[in-house]
Protein backbone atom coordinates (compact mmCIF):
# COMPACT_ATOMS: atom_id res chain seq x y z
CA MET A 1 -68.18 -2.32 58.99
CA SER A 2 -68.21 -5.39 61.19
CA SER A 3 -69.54 -4.64 64.84
CA ASN A 4 -68.44 -7.97 66.49
CA ARG A 5 -64.76 -7.67 67.73
CA ALA A 6 -64.47 -11.62 67.15
CA ASP A 7 -64.47 -10.73 63.61
CA TRP A 8 -61.45 -8.56 63.88
CA VAL A 9 -57.69 -9.16 63.91
CA LYS A 10 -55.20 -6.93 65.39
CA VAL A 11 -52.29 -6.68 62.87
CA GLU A 12 -49.38 -4.78 64.55
CA GLY A 13 -46.37 -2.85 62.63
CA VAL A 14 -45.68 0.84 61.28
CA ILE A 15 -48.19 2.79 59.50
CA GLU A 16 -46.05 3.65 56.41
CA HIS A 17 -48.57 5.58 54.29
CA GLU A 18 -52.22 6.46 54.33
CA THR A 19 -54.43 7.27 51.27
CA GLU A 20 -58.11 8.31 50.80
CA ASN A 21 -58.83 4.60 50.52
CA ALA A 22 -56.05 2.35 51.99
CA ILE A 23 -53.35 2.19 54.60
CA LEU A 24 -49.83 0.80 54.28
CA LEU A 25 -48.75 -1.32 57.28
CA ASP A 26 -45.25 -2.51 57.47
CA ILE A 27 -45.92 -5.65 59.52
CA HIS A 28 -42.97 -6.79 61.64
CA THR A 29 -42.83 -10.42 60.49
CA VAL A 30 -43.97 -10.42 56.68
CA GLY A 31 -43.20 -7.12 55.25
CA LYS A 32 -45.22 -4.19 53.97
CA GLU A 33 -49.11 -4.74 53.25
CA TRP A 34 -52.02 -2.50 51.71
CA PHE A 35 -55.32 -2.75 53.63
CA PRO A 36 -58.29 -1.18 52.22
CA LEU A 37 -59.96 1.29 54.44
CA SER A 38 -63.32 -0.47 54.04
CA ALA A 39 -61.82 -3.36 55.83
CA VAL A 40 -60.20 -1.64 58.55
CA ASN A 41 -62.29 -1.00 61.75
CA GLU A 42 -59.74 0.89 63.87
CA ILE A 43 -56.39 2.60 63.40
CA HIS A 44 -54.19 3.19 66.32
CA LYS A 45 -50.90 5.09 66.16
CA GLY A 46 -48.40 4.45 68.97
CA LYS A 47 -46.50 6.95 70.73
CA ASP A 48 -43.25 5.48 69.13
CA THR A 49 -42.66 4.78 65.63
CA GLN A 50 -42.65 0.95 66.23
CA SER A 51 -46.22 0.48 68.01
CA ASP A 52 -48.90 0.96 65.52
CA TYR A 53 -51.66 -1.43 64.83
CA ILE A 54 -54.89 -1.69 63.21
CA MET A 55 -57.94 -3.76 63.63
CA VAL A 56 -58.88 -5.49 60.31
CA ASP A 57 -61.89 -7.79 59.13
CA ALA A 58 -60.78 -11.35 59.78
CA TRP A 59 -61.42 -12.19 56.15
CA ILE A 60 -58.65 -10.08 54.65
CA ALA A 61 -56.16 -11.04 57.66
CA LYS A 62 -56.97 -14.57 56.20
CA LYS A 63 -56.47 -13.54 52.53
CA LYS A 64 -52.92 -12.01 53.50
CA GLY A 65 -51.95 -14.99 55.36
CA LEU A 66 -51.82 -13.27 58.77
CA GLN A 67 -54.44 -15.47 60.26
CA GLY A 68 -55.08 -19.25 60.23
């Protein structure tokens, strides 16, 4: 797990499902994407159902087209 915040990317959406190994996030701009928990640094569940976000390693955000 990366400890440098510069290596993390905030991905906003709605957490749809969680398993032992992954999390499914419905991203507002691109749709549903699975993220392996090994690449997720933080999970934030908002008070309403539209304000969740996760902090993921930059490499997976780039791989999924979420970061340039």
